[in-house]
Amino acid sequence: MKTRLLSDTKTAILEPIGAVSSLQDALDFVSSGYGYNSNKILLRAEQLPPEFFELQTCFAGEFIQKLVNYRFYIAGVFGEVEVFSESFREYVGEARRGRQFRSFATEDEAILWLETQ
């Protein structure tokens, strides 16, 4: 997976180019983070695979945990969560208070949080 830095931010924030497709992509973020000297990632719902939103697959938990283990800060932009399953809405609700992984309704909110980490 390829990554790039967001433009027009106060700090270096990584984003994927295209879609996340596997757990290996988390380690690709780590590698890119070291290259860009950044430990902040912005993930948008439309860039994540369907497995991310199905908690029984454990994709979301494993993907995020890999990044947290390397001390990355991850902001997920999920917009209106009513379109997701009840269990994923609960997951997003808990993540709104997370220390290293937080969920947001808007990209602007996510970037503001990442810039303060």
PDB file of N, CA and C in Angstrom:
ATOM      1  N   MET A   1       0.838  -1.169   0.000  1.00  0.00           N
ATOM      2  CA  MET A   1       0.000   0.000   0.000  1.00  0.00           C
ATOM      3  C   MET A   1       0.887   1.239   0.000  1.00  0.00           C
ATOM      4  N   LYS A   2       0.490   2.222  -0.744  1.00  0.00           N
ATOM      5  CA  LYS A   2       1.228   3.477  -0.794  1.00  0.00           C
ATOM      6  C   LYS A   2       0.545   4.497   0.112  1.00  0.00           C
ATOM      7  N   THR A   3       1.353   5.386   0.636  1.00  0.00           N
ATOM      8  CA  THR A   3       0.847   6.444   1.506  1.00  0.00           C
ATOM      9  C   THR A   3       1.413   7.785   1.046  1.00  0.00           C
ATOM     10  N   ARG A   4       0.837   8.834   1.573  1.00  0.00           N
ATOM     11  CA  ARG A   4       1.349  10.181   1.329  1.00  0.00           C
ATOM     12  C   ARG A   4       1.018  11.032   2.546  1.00  0.00           C
ATOM     13  N   LEU A   5       1.640  12.204   2.597  1.00  0.00           N
ATOM     14  CA  LEU A   5       1.339  13.153   3.657  1.00  0.00           C
ATOM     15  C   LEU A   5       0.164  14.019   3.237  1.00  0.00           C
ATOM     16  N   LEU A   6      -0.709  14.301   4.179  1.00  0.00           N
ATOM     17  CA  LEU A   6      -1.786  15.255   3.919  1.00  0.00           C
ATOM     18  C   LEU A   6      -1.157  16.624   3.667  1.00  0.00           C
ATOM     19  N   SER A   7      -1.746  17.376   2.803  1.00  0.00           N
ATOM     20  CA  SER A   7      -1.245  18.733   2.577  1.00  0.00           C
ATOM     21  C   SER A   7      -2.004  19.700   3.488  1.00  0.00           C
ATOM     22  N   ASP A   8      -1.407  20.834   3.721  1.00  0.00           N
ATOM     23  CA  ASP A   8      -2.029  21.911   4.503  1.00  0.00           C
ATOM     24  C   ASP A   8      -2.356  21.528   5.946  1.00  0.00           C
ATOM     25  N   THR A   9      -1.490  20.780   6.582  1.00  0.00           N
ATOM     26  CA  THR A   9      -1.662  20.496   8.000  1.00  0.00           C
ATOM     27  C   THR A   9      -0.444  21.017   8.755  1.00  0.00           C
ATOM     28  N   LYS A  10      -0.612  21.246  10.055  1.00  0.00           N
ATOM     29  CA  LYS A  10       0.466  21.788  10.873  1.00  0.00           C
ATOM     30  C   LYS A  10       1.531  20.762  11.217  1.00  0.00           C
ATOM     31  N   THR A  11       1.194  19.502  11.059  1.00  0.00           N
ATOM     32  CA  THR A  11       2.103  18.410  11.394  1.00  0.00           C
ATOM     33  C   THR A  11       1.998  17.328  10.322  1.00  0.00           C
ATOM     34  N   ALA A  12       2.959  16.443  10.269  1.00  0.00           N
ATOM     35  CA  ALA A  12       2.963  15.376   9.263  1.00  0.00           C
ATOM     36  C   ALA A  12       1.925  14.314   9.597  1.00  0.00           C
ATOM     37  N   ILE A  13       0.917  14.189   8.737  1.00  0.00           N
ATOM     38  CA  ILE A  13      -0.149  13.202   8.912  1.00  0.00           C
ATOM     39  C   ILE A  13      -0.201  12.343   7.663  1.00  0.00           C
ATOM     40  N   LEU A  14      -0.118  11.036   7.863  1.00  0.00           N
ATOM     41  CA  LEU A  14      -0.172  10.089   6.751  1.00  0.00           C
ATOM     42  C   LEU A  14      -1.605   9.744   6.382  1.00  0.00           C
ATOM     43  N   GLU A  15      -1.805   9.460   5.091  1.00  0.00           N
ATOM     44  CA  GLU A  15      -3.075   8.931   4.609  1.00  0.00           C
ATOM     45  C   GLU A  15      -2.767   7.899   3.537  1.00  0.00           C
ATOM     46  N   PRO A  16      -3.646   6.911   3.376  1.00  0.00           N
ATOM     47  CA  PRO A  16      -3.405   5.926   2.325  1.00  0.00           C
ATOM     48  C   PRO A  16      -3.730   6.515   0.958  1.00  0.00           C
ATOM     49  N   ILE A  17      -3.001   6.069  -0.054  1.00  0.00           N
ATOM     50  CA  ILE A  17      -3.367   6.365  -1.436  1.00  0.00           C
ATOM     51  C   ILE A  17      -4.166   5.151  -1.884  1.00  0.00           C
ATOM     52  N   GLY A  18      -5.419   5.352  -2.146  1.00  0.00           N
ATOM     53  CA  GLY A  18      -6.274   4.222  -2.488  1.00  0.00           C
ATOM     54  C   GLY A  18      -6.859   3.590  -1.240  1.00  0.00           C
ATOM     55  N   ALA A  19      -7.096   2.298  -1.336  1.00  0.00           N
ATOM     56  CA  ALA A  19      -7.796   1.603  -0.257  1.00  0.00           C
ATOM     57  C   ALA A  19      -6.874   0.709   0.548  1.00  0.00           C
ATOM     58  N   VAL A  20      -7.220   0.544   1.818  1.00  0.00           N
ATOM     59  CA  VAL A  20      -6.581  -0.439   2.691  1.00  0.00           C
ATOM     60  C   VAL A  20      -7.198  -1.784   2.309  1.00  0.00           C
ATOM     61  N   SER A  21      -6.354  -2.803   2.160  1.00  0.00           N
ATOM     62  CA  SER A  21      -6.909  -4.084   1.734  1.00  0.00           C
ATOM     63  C   SER A  21      -6.520  -5.264   2.612  1.00  0.00           C
ATOM     64  N   SER A  22      -5.471  -5.103   3.444  1.00  0.00           N
ATOM     65  CA  SER A  22      -5.032  -6.239   4.260  1.00  0.00           C
ATOM     66  C   SER A  22      -4.400  -5.755   5.554  1.00  0.00           C
ATOM     67  N   LEU A  23      -4.178  -6.687   6.464  1.00  0.00           N
ATOM     68  CA  LEU A  23      -3.500  -6.349   7.716  1.00  0.00           C
ATOM     69  C   LEU A  23      -2.065  -5.905   7.463  1.00  0.00           C
ATOM     70  N   GLN A  24      -1.458  -6.384   6.401  1.00  0.00           N
ATOM     71  CA  GLN A  24      -0.100  -5.977   6.035  1.00  0.00           C
ATOM     72  C   GLN A  24      -0.026  -4.460   5.822  1.00  0.00           C
ATOM     73  N   ASP A  25      -1.127  -3.860   5.411  1.00  0.00           N
ATOM     74  CA  ASP A  25      -1.142  -2.414   5.186  1.00  0.00           C
ATOM     75  C   ASP A  25      -0.832  -1.633   6.464  1.00  0.00           C
ATOM     76  N   ALA A  26      -1.159  -2.188   7.618  1.00  0.00           N
ATOM     77  CA  ALA A  26      -0.812  -1.529   8.884  1.00  0.00           C
ATOM     78  C   ALA A  26       0.701  -1.434   9.010  1.00  0.00           C
ATOM     79  N   LEU A  27       1.400  -2.502   8.674  1.00  0.00           N
ATOM     80  CA  LEU A  27       2.864  -2.482   8.751  1.00  0.00           C
ATOM     81  C   LEU A  27       3.456  -1.583   7.675  1.00  0.00           C
ATOM     82  N   ASP A  28       2.786  -1.463   6.541  1.00  0.00           N
ATOM     83  CA  ASP A  28       3.220  -0.520   5.508  1.00  0.00           C
ATOM     84  C   ASP A  28       3.108   0.915   6.025  1.00  0.00           C
ATOM     85  N   PHE A  29       2.064   1.195   6.807  1.00  0.00           N
ATOM     86  CA  PHE A  29       1.940   2.511   7.432  1.00  0.00           C
ATOM     87  C   PHE A  29       3.117   2.773   8.370  1.00  0.00           C
ATOM     88  N   VAL A  30       3.481   1.767   9.150  1.00  0.00           N
ATOM     89  CA  VAL A  30       4.602   1.912  10.085  1.00  0.00           C
ATOM     90  C   VAL A  30       5.872   2.243   9.313  1.00  0.00           C
ATOM     91  N   SER A  31       6.129   1.524   8.254  1.00  0.00           N
ATOM     92  CA  SER A  31       7.312   1.761   7.440  1.00  0.00           C
ATOM     93  C   SER A  31       7.291   3.168   6.842  1.00  0.00           C
ATOM     94  N   SER A  32       6.154   3.573   6.302  1.00  0.00           N
ATOM     95  CA  SER A  32       6.024   4.927   5.747  1.00  0.00           C
ATOM     96  C   SER A  32       6.176   5.983   6.824  1.00  0.00           C
ATOM     97  N   GLY A  33       5.632   5.691   7.995  1.00  0.00           N
ATOM     98  CA  GLY A  33       5.727   6.641   9.102  1.00  0.00           C
ATOM     99  C   GLY A  33       7.167   6.944   9.464  1.00  0.00           C
ATOM    100  N   TYR A  34       7.983   5.905   9.507  1.00  0.00           N
ATOM    101  CA  TYR A  34       9.402   6.119   9.795  1.00  0.00           C
ATOM    102  C   TYR A  34      10.054   6.921   8.677  1.00  0.00           C
ATOM    103  N   GLY A  35       9.667   6.650   7.437  1.00  0.00           N
ATOM    104  CA  GLY A  35      10.228   7.382   6.308  1.00  0.00           C
ATOM    105  C   GLY A  35       9.848   8.848   6.291  1.00  0.00           C
ATOM    106  N   TYR A  36       8.610   9.131   6.669  1.00  0.00           N
ATOM    107  CA  TYR A  36       8.119  10.511   6.698  1.00  0.00           C
ATOM    108  C   TYR A  36       8.288  11.176   8.068  1.00  0.00           C
ATOM    109  N   ASN A  37       8.814  10.442   9.030  1.00  0.00           N
ATOM    110  CA  ASN A  37       8.944  10.929  10.399  1.00  0.00           C
ATOM    111  C   ASN A  37       7.583  11.370  10.961  1.00  0.00           C
ATOM    112  N   SER A  38       6.619  10.471  10.839  1.00  0.00           N
ATOM    113  CA  SER A  38       5.260  10.753  11.309  1.00  0.00           C
ATOM    114  C   SER A  38       4.686   9.521  11.992  1.00  0.00           C
ATOM    115  N   ASN A  39       3.951   9.749  13.058  1.00  0.00           N
ATOM    116  CA  ASN A  39       3.250   8.658  13.738  1.00  0.00           C
ATOM    117  C   ASN A  39       1.753   8.959  13.824  1.00  0.00           C
ATOM    118  N   LYS A  40       1.238   9.660  12.805  1.00  0.00           N
ATOM    119  CA  LYS A  40      -0.176  10.051  12.777  1.00  0.00           C
ATOM    120  C   LYS A  40      -0.791   9.616  11.464  1.00  0.00           C
ATOM    121  N   ILE A  41      -1.980   9.012  11.555  1.00  0.00           N
ATOM    122  CA  ILE A  41      -2.641   8.457  10.380  1.00  0.00           C
ATOM    123  C   ILE A  41      -4.102   8.893  10.344  1.00  0.00           C
ATOM    124  N   LEU A  42      -4.545   9.290   9.175  1.00  0.00           N
ATOM    125  CA  LEU A  42      -5.949   9.602   8.937  1.00  0.00           C
ATOM    126  C   LEU A  42      -6.540   8.510   8.062  1.00  0.00           C
ATOM    127  N   LEU A  43      -7.589   7.856   8.546  1.00  0.00           N
ATOM    128  CA  LEU A  43      -8.289   6.814   7.789  1.00  0.00           C
ATOM    129  C   LEU A  43      -9.720   7.261   7.546  1.00  0.00           C
ATOM    130  N   ARG A  44     -10.163   7.147   6.309  1.00  0.00           N
ATOM    131  CA  ARG A  44     -11.542   7.480   5.959  1.00  0.00           C
ATOM    132  C   ARG A  44     -12.315   6.177   5.722  1.00  0.00           C
ATOM    133  N   ALA A  45     -13.572   6.156   6.094  1.00  0.00           N
ATOM    134  CA  ALA A  45     -14.399   4.948   5.967  1.00  0.00           C
ATOM    135  C   ALA A  45     -14.360   4.385   4.559  1.00  0.00           C
ATOM    136  N   GLU A  46     -14.403   5.246   3.562  1.00  0.00           N
ATOM    137  CA  GLU A  46     -14.456   4.757   2.182  1.00  0.00           C
ATOM    138  C   GLU A  46     -13.151   4.106   1.724  1.00  0.00           C
ATOM    139  N   GLN A  47     -12.076   4.264   2.494  1.00  0.00           N
ATOM    140  CA  GLN A  47     -10.799   3.649   2.158  1.00  0.00           C
ATOM    141  C   GLN A  47     -10.581   2.311   2.862  1.00  0.00           C
ATOM    142  N   LEU A  48     -11.532   1.916   3.684  1.00  0.00           N
ATOM    143  CA  LEU A  48     -11.387   0.699   4.478  1.00  0.00           C
ATOM    144  C   LEU A  48     -12.200  -0.437   3.871  1.00  0.00           C
ATOM    145  N   PRO A  49     -11.702  -1.680   3.986  1.00  0.00           N
ATOM    146  CA  PRO A  49     -12.426  -2.817   3.400  1.00  0.00           C
ATOM    147  C   PRO A  49     -13.678  -3.158   4.208  1.00  0.00           C
ATOM    148  N   PRO A  50     -14.625  -3.840   3.594  1.00  0.00           N
ATOM    149  CA  PRO A  50     -15.856  -4.230   4.301  1.00  0.00           C
ATOM    150  C   PRO A  50     -15.570  -5.001   5.594  1.00  0.00           C
ATOM    151  N   GLU A  51     -14.482  -5.790   5.623  1.00  0.00           N
ATOM    152  CA  GLU A  51     -14.136  -6.565   6.814  1.00  0.00           C
ATOM    153  C   GLU A  51     -13.867  -5.670   8.027  1.00  0.00           C
ATOM    154  N   PHE A  52     -13.427  -4.450   7.791  1.00  0.00           N
ATOM    155  CA  PHE A  52     -13.147  -3.525   8.896  1.00  0.00           C
ATOM    156  C   PHE A  52     -14.417  -3.260   9.702  1.00  0.00           C
ATOM    157  N   PHE A  53     -15.543  -3.209   9.025  1.00  0.00           N
ATOM    158  CA  PHE A  53     -16.815  -2.857   9.661  1.00  0.00           C
ATOM    159  C   PHE A  53     -17.570  -4.053  10.219  1.00  0.00           C
ATOM    160  N   GLU A  54     -17.067  -5.250   9.950  1.00  0.00           N
ATOM    161  CA  GLU A  54     -17.656  -6.481  10.479  1.00  0.00           C
ATOM    162  C   GLU A  54     -16.770  -6.960  11.624  1.00  0.00           C
ATOM    163  N   LEU A  55     -17.117  -6.602  12.829  1.00  0.00           N
ATOM    164  CA  LEU A  55     -16.232  -6.844  13.973  1.00  0.00           C
ATOM    165  C   LEU A  55     -15.918  -8.311  14.206  1.00  0.00           C
ATOM    166  N   GLN A  56     -16.800  -9.211  13.786  1.00  0.00           N
ATOM    167  CA  GLN A  56     -16.526 -10.633  13.987  1.00  0.00           C
ATOM    168  C   GLN A  56     -15.316 -11.100  13.179  1.00  0.00           C
ATOM    169  N   THR A  57     -14.888 -10.353  12.156  1.00  0.00           N
ATOM    170  CA  THR A  57     -13.697 -10.727  11.382  1.00  0.00           C
ATOM    171  C   THR A  57     -12.415 -10.361  12.114  1.00  0.00           C
ATOM    172  N   CYS A  58     -12.501  -9.504  13.108  1.00  0.00           N
ATOM    173  CA  CYS A  58     -11.361  -9.017  13.902  1.00  0.00           C
ATOM    174  C   CYS A  58     -10.402  -8.137  13.094  1.00  0.00           C
ATOM    175  N   PHE A  59     -10.739  -7.801  11.860  1.00  0.00           N
ATOM    176  CA  PHE A  59      -9.849  -6.988  11.029  1.00  0.00           C
ATOM    177  C   PHE A  59      -9.582  -5.634  11.677  1.00  0.00           C
ATOM    178  N   ALA A  60     -10.638  -4.938  12.077  1.00  0.00           N
ATOM    179  CA  ALA A  60     -10.467  -3.603  12.658  1.00  0.00           C
ATOM    180  C   ALA A  60      -9.577  -3.653  13.892  1.00  0.00           C
ATOM    181  N   GLY A  61      -9.864  -4.559  14.798  1.00  0.00           N
ATOM    182  CA  GLY A  61      -9.089  -4.662  16.025  1.00  0.00           C
ATOM    183  C   GLY A  61      -7.626  -4.983  15.772  1.00  0.00           C
ATOM    184  N   GLU A  62      -7.371  -5.932  14.891  1.00  0.00           N
ATOM    185  CA  GLU A  62      -5.991  -6.311  14.597  1.00  0.00           C
ATOM    186  C   GLU A  62      -5.252  -5.197  13.857  1.00  0.00           C
ATOM    187  N   PHE A  63      -5.919  -4.557  12.914  1.00  0.00           N
ATOM    188  CA  PHE A  63      -5.304  -3.479  12.142  1.00  0.00           C
ATOM    189  C   PHE A  63      -4.906  -2.321  13.059  1.00  0.00           C
ATOM    190  N   ILE A  64      -5.849  -1.877  13.868  1.00  0.00           N
ATOM    191  CA  ILE A  64      -5.587  -0.753  14.776  1.00  0.00           C
ATOM    192  C   ILE A  64      -4.551  -1.143  15.823  1.00  0.00           C
ATOM    193  N   GLN A  65      -4.630  -2.356  16.361  1.00  0.00           N
ATOM    194  CA  GLN A  65      -3.681  -2.782  17.400  1.00  0.00           C
ATOM    195  C   GLN A  65      -2.247  -2.788  16.883  1.00  0.00           C
ATOM    196  N   LYS A  66      -2.039  -3.208  15.648  1.00  0.00           N
ATOM    197  CA  LYS A  66      -0.689  -3.189  15.073  1.00  0.00           C
ATOM    198  C   LYS A  66      -0.130  -1.768  15.091  1.00  0.00           C
ATOM    199  N   LEU A  67      -0.945  -0.799  14.732  1.00  0.00           N
ATOM    200  CA  LEU A  67      -0.497   0.597  14.701  1.00  0.00           C
ATOM    201  C   LEU A  67      -0.268   1.148  16.110  1.00  0.00           C
ATOM    202  N   VAL A  68      -1.156   0.816  17.017  1.00  0.00           N
ATOM    203  CA  VAL A  68      -1.013   1.261  18.408  1.00  0.00           C
ATOM    204  C   VAL A  68       0.261   0.682  19.022  1.00  0.00           C
ATOM    205  N   ASN A  69       0.582  -0.562  18.700  1.00  0.00           N
ATOM    206  CA  ASN A  69       1.800  -1.179  19.227  1.00  0.00           C
ATOM    207  C   ASN A  69       3.053  -0.404  18.842  1.00  0.00           C
ATOM    208  N   TYR A  70       2.997   0.257  17.689  1.00  0.00           N
ATOM    209  CA  TYR A  70       4.129   1.068  17.233  1.00  0.00           C
ATOM    210  C   TYR A  70       3.963   2.545  17.605  1.00  0.00           C
ATOM    211  N   ARG A  71       3.054   2.814  18.522  1.00  0.00           N
ATOM    212  CA  ARG A  71       2.816   4.152  19.063  1.00  0.00           C
ATOM    213  C   ARG A  71       2.326   5.166  18.023  1.00  0.00           C
ATOM    214  N   PHE A  72       1.480   4.707  17.124  1.00  0.00           N
ATOM    215  CA  PHE A  72       0.863   5.598  16.156  1.00  0.00           C
ATOM    216  C   PHE A  72      -0.454   6.126  16.718  1.00  0.00           C
ATOM    217  N   TYR A  73      -0.828   7.308  16.259  1.00  0.00           N
ATOM    218  CA  TYR A  73      -2.124   7.896  16.557  1.00  0.00           C
ATOM    219  C   TYR A  73      -2.955   7.776  15.286  1.00  0.00           C
ATOM    220  N   ILE A  74      -4.166   7.255  15.424  1.00  0.00           N
ATOM    221  CA  ILE A  74      -5.007   6.981  14.276  1.00  0.00           C
ATOM    222  C   ILE A  74      -6.348   7.683  14.466  1.00  0.00           C
ATOM    223  N   ALA A  75      -6.735   8.462  13.460  1.00  0.00           N
ATOM    224  CA  ALA A  75      -8.041   9.109  13.464  1.00  0.00           C
ATOM    225  C   ALA A  75      -8.870   8.486  12.353  1.00  0.00           C
ATOM    226  N   GLY A  76     -10.003   7.929  12.719  1.00  0.00           N
ATOM    227  CA  GLY A  76     -10.919   7.340  11.745  1.00  0.00           C
ATOM    228  C   GLY A  76     -12.088   8.271  11.509  1.00  0.00           C
ATOM    229  N   VAL A  77     -12.354   8.570  10.257  1.00  0.00           N
ATOM    230  CA  VAL A  77     -13.480   9.431   9.897  1.00  0.00           C
ATOM    231  C   VAL A  77     -14.590   8.541   9.360  1.00  0.00           C
ATOM    232  N   PHE A  78     -15.673   8.435  10.138  1.00  0.00           N
ATOM    233  CA  PHE A  78     -16.752   7.513   9.806  1.00  0.00           C
ATOM    234  C   PHE A  78     -18.065   8.212   9.481  1.00  0.00           C
ATOM    235  N   GLY A  79     -18.103   9.527   9.552  1.00  0.00           N
ATOM    236  CA  GLY A  79     -19.312  10.259   9.189  1.00  0.00           C
ATOM    237  C   GLY A  79     -20.500   9.856  10.029  1.00  0.00           C
ATOM    238  N   GLU A  80     -21.626   9.733   9.363  1.00  0.00           N
ATOM    239  CA  GLU A  80     -22.859   9.339  10.039  1.00  0.00           C
ATOM    240  C   GLU A  80     -22.831   7.836  10.290  1.00  0.00           C
ATOM    241  N   VAL A  81     -22.718   7.444  11.533  1.00  0.00           N
ATOM    242  CA  VAL A  81     -22.524   6.032  11.876  1.00  0.00           C
ATOM    243  C   VAL A  81     -23.802   5.195  11.790  1.00  0.00           C
ATOM    244  N   GLU A  82     -24.946   5.823  11.539  1.00  0.00           N
ATOM    245  CA  GLU A  82     -26.202   5.079  11.472  1.00  0.00           C
ATOM    246  C   GLU A  82     -26.201   4.041  10.356  1.00  0.00           C
ATOM    247  N   VAL A  83     -25.333   4.182   9.370  1.00  0.00           N
ATOM    248  CA  VAL A  83     -25.298   3.236   8.249  1.00  0.00           C
ATOM    249  C   VAL A  83     -24.589   1.930   8.613  1.00  0.00           C
ATOM    250  N   PHE A  84     -23.905   1.905   9.765  1.00  0.00           N
ATOM    251  CA  PHE A  84     -23.142   0.728  10.173  1.00  0.00           C
ATOM    252  C   PHE A  84     -23.957  -0.153  11.118  1.00  0.00           C
ATOM    253  N   SER A  85     -23.468  -1.361  11.340  1.00  0.00           N
ATOM    254  CA  SER A  85     -24.138  -2.285  12.255  1.00  0.00           C
ATOM    255  C   SER A  85     -24.111  -1.729  13.679  1.00  0.00           C
ATOM    256  N   GLU A  86     -24.977  -2.262  14.507  1.00  0.00           N
ATOM    257  CA  GLU A  86     -25.039  -1.811  15.901  1.00  0.00           C
ATOM    258  C   GLU A  86     -23.718  -2.045  16.621  1.00  0.00           C
ATOM    259  N   SER A  87     -23.100  -3.196  16.387  1.00  0.00           N
ATOM    260  CA  SER A  87     -21.832  -3.487  17.071  1.00  0.00           C
ATOM    261  C   SER A  87     -20.730  -2.529  16.611  1.00  0.00           C
ATOM    262  N   PHE A  88     -20.704  -2.182  15.324  1.00  0.00           N
ATOM    263  CA  PHE A  88     -19.683  -1.246  14.866  1.00  0.00           C
ATOM    264  C   PHE A  88     -19.968   0.154  15.398  1.00  0.00           C
ATOM    265  N   ARG A  89     -21.222   0.532  15.502  1.00  0.00           N
ATOM    266  CA  ARG A  89     -21.566   1.843  16.084  1.00  0.00           C
ATOM    267  C   ARG A  89     -21.084   1.920  17.533  1.00  0.00           C
ATOM    268  N   GLU A  90     -21.211   0.819  18.276  1.00  0.00           N
ATOM    269  CA  GLU A  90     -20.709   0.789  19.654  1.00  0.00           C
ATOM    270  C   GLU A  90     -19.190   0.925  19.675  1.00  0.00           C
ATOM    271  N   TYR A  91     -18.521   0.244  18.752  1.00  0.00           N
ATOM    272  CA  TYR A  91     -17.054   0.332  18.631  1.00  0.00           C
ATOM    273  C   TYR A  91     -16.624   1.773  18.360  1.00  0.00           C
ATOM    274  N   VAL A  92     -17.296   2.417  17.427  1.00  0.00           N
ATOM    275  CA  VAL A  92     -16.987   3.811  17.085  1.00  0.00           C
ATOM    276  C   VAL A  92     -17.277   4.712  18.287  1.00  0.00           C
ATOM    277  N   GLY A  93     -18.355   4.443  18.987  1.00  0.00           N
ATOM    278  CA  GLY A  93     -18.683   5.245  20.176  1.00  0.00           C
ATOM    279  C   GLY A  93     -17.596   5.170  21.228  1.00  0.00           C
ATOM    280  N   GLU A  94     -17.082   3.976  21.464  1.00  0.00           N
ATOM    281  CA  GLU A  94     -15.984   3.815  22.421  1.00  0.00           C
ATOM    282  C   GLU A  94     -14.720   4.513  21.916  1.00  0.00           C
ATOM    283  N   ALA A  95     -14.500   4.458  20.610  1.00  0.00           N
ATOM    284  CA  ALA A  95     -13.291   5.060  20.033  1.00  0.00           C
ATOM    285  C   ALA A  95     -13.338   6.588  20.048  1.00  0.00           C
ATOM    286  N   ARG A  96     -14.465   7.175  20.293  1.00  0.00           N
ATOM    287  CA  ARG A  96     -14.543   8.651  20.364  1.00  0.00           C
ATOM    288  C   ARG A  96     -13.769   9.192  21.572  1.00  0.00           C
ATOM    289  N   ARG A  97     -13.432   8.298  22.504  1.00  0.00           N
ATOM    290  CA  ARG A  97     -12.692   8.721  23.706  1.00  0.00           C
ATOM    291  C   ARG A  97     -11.305   8.077  23.788  1.00  0.00           C
ATOM    292  N   GLY A  98     -10.882   7.421  22.720  1.00  0.00           N
ATOM    293  CA  GLY A  98      -9.624   6.678  22.738  1.00  0.00           C
ATOM    294  C   GLY A  98      -8.390   7.568  22.852  1.00  0.00           C
ATOM    295  N   ARG A  99      -7.320   6.993  23.361  1.00  0.00           N
ATOM    296  CA  ARG A  99      -6.069   7.735  23.508  1.00  0.00           C
ATOM    297  C   ARG A  99      -5.236   7.724  22.232  1.00  0.00           C
ATOM    298  N   GLN A 100      -5.193   6.580  21.543  1.00  0.00           N
ATOM    299  CA  GLN A 100      -4.381   6.500  20.330  1.00  0.00           C
ATOM    300  C   GLN A 100      -5.222   6.296  19.080  1.00  0.00           C
ATOM    301  N   PHE A 101      -6.410   5.765  19.223  1.00  0.00           N
ATOM    302  CA  PHE A 101      -7.328   5.628  18.093  1.00  0.00           C
ATOM    303  C   PHE A 101      -8.627   6.311  18.458  1.00  0.00           C
ATOM    304  N   ARG A 102      -8.999   7.288  17.640  1.00  0.00           N
ATOM    305  CA  ARG A 102     -10.256   7.997  17.874  1.00  0.00           C
ATOM    306  C   ARG A 102     -11.070   8.033  16.597  1.00  0.00           C
ATOM    307  N   SER A 103     -12.374   8.045  16.773  1.00  0.00           N
ATOM    308  CA  SER A 103     -13.276   8.142  15.633  1.00  0.00           C
ATOM    309  C   SER A 103     -13.907   9.530  15.612  1.00  0.00           C
ATOM    310  N   PHE A 104     -14.173   9.999  14.400  1.00  0.00           N
ATOM    311  CA  PHE A 104     -14.710  11.342  14.209  1.00  0.00           C
ATOM    312  C   PHE A 104     -15.772  11.320  13.116  1.00  0.00           C
ATOM    313  N   ALA A 105     -16.658  12.303  13.192  1.00  0.00           N
ATOM    314  CA  ALA A 105     -17.686  12.453  12.168  1.00  0.00           C
ATOM    315  C   ALA A 105     -17.136  13.201  10.958  1.00  0.00           C
ATOM    316  N   THR A 106     -16.173  14.112  11.182  1.00  0.00           N
ATOM    317  CA  THR A 106     -15.644  14.914  10.078  1.00  0.00           C
ATOM    318  C   THR A 106     -14.123  14.844  10.016  1.00  0.00           C
ATOM    319  N   GLU A 107     -13.612  15.071   8.831  1.00  0.00           N
ATOM    320  CA  GLU A 107     -12.176  15.073   8.624  1.00  0.00           C
ATOM    321  C   GLU A 107     -11.503  16.234   9.360  1.00  0.00           C
ATOM    322  N   ASP A 108     -12.154  17.392   9.397  1.00  0.00           N
ATOM    323  CA  ASP A 108     -11.580  18.549  10.099  1.00  0.00           C
ATOM    324  C   ASP A 108     -11.366  18.251  11.579  1.00  0.00           C
ATOM    325  N   GLU A 109     -12.343  17.606  12.219  1.00  0.00           N
ATOM    326  CA  GLU A 109     -12.202  17.242  13.628  1.00  0.00           C
ATOM    327  C   GLU A 109     -11.042  16.268  13.817  1.00  0.00           C
ATOM    328  N   ALA A 110     -10.935  15.312  12.911  1.00  0.00           N
ATOM    329  CA  ALA A 110      -9.876  14.302  12.999  1.00  0.00           C
ATOM    330  C   ALA A 110      -8.495  14.950  12.863  1.00  0.00           C
ATOM    331  N   ILE A 111      -8.354  15.853  11.915  1.00  0.00           N
ATOM    332  CA  ILE A 111      -7.067  16.522  11.705  1.00  0.00           C
ATOM    333  C   ILE A 111      -6.698  17.380  12.908  1.00  0.00           C
ATOM    334  N   LEU A 112      -7.671  18.097  13.458  1.00  0.00           N
ATOM    335  CA  LEU A 112      -7.393  18.914  14.658  1.00  0.00           C
ATOM    336  C   LEU A 112      -6.864  18.052  15.789  1.00  0.00           C
ATOM    337  N   TRP A 113      -7.470  16.894  16.008  1.00  0.00           N
ATOM    338  CA  TRP A 113      -7.012  16.002  17.070  1.00  0.00           C
ATOM    339  C   TRP A 113      -5.611  15.487  16.777  1.00  0.00           C
ATOM    340  N   LEU A 114      -5.364  15.047  15.558  1.00  0.00           N
ATOM    341  CA  LEU A 114      -4.046  14.541  15.196  1.00  0.00           C
ATOM    342  C   LEU A 114      -2.962  15.608  15.360  1.00  0.00           C
ATOM    343  N   GLU A 115      -3.294  16.845  15.051  1.00  0.00           N
ATOM    344  CA  GLU A 115      -2.304  17.918  15.160  1.00  0.00           C
ATOM    345  C   GLU A 115      -1.918  18.201  16.610  1.00  0.00           C
ATOM    346  N   THR A 116      -2.733  17.787  17.557  1.00  0.00           N
ATOM    347  CA  THR A 116      -2.413  18.030  18.976  1.00  0.00           C
ATOM    348  C   THR A 116      -1.703  16.855  19.631  1.00  0.00           C
ATOM    349  N   GLN A 117      -1.515  15.777  18.899  1.00  0.00           N
ATOM    350  CA  GLN A 117      -0.887  14.581  19.473  1.00  0.00           C
ATOM    351  C   GLN A 117       0.611  14.628  19.280  1.00  0.00           C
TER     352      GLN A 117
END
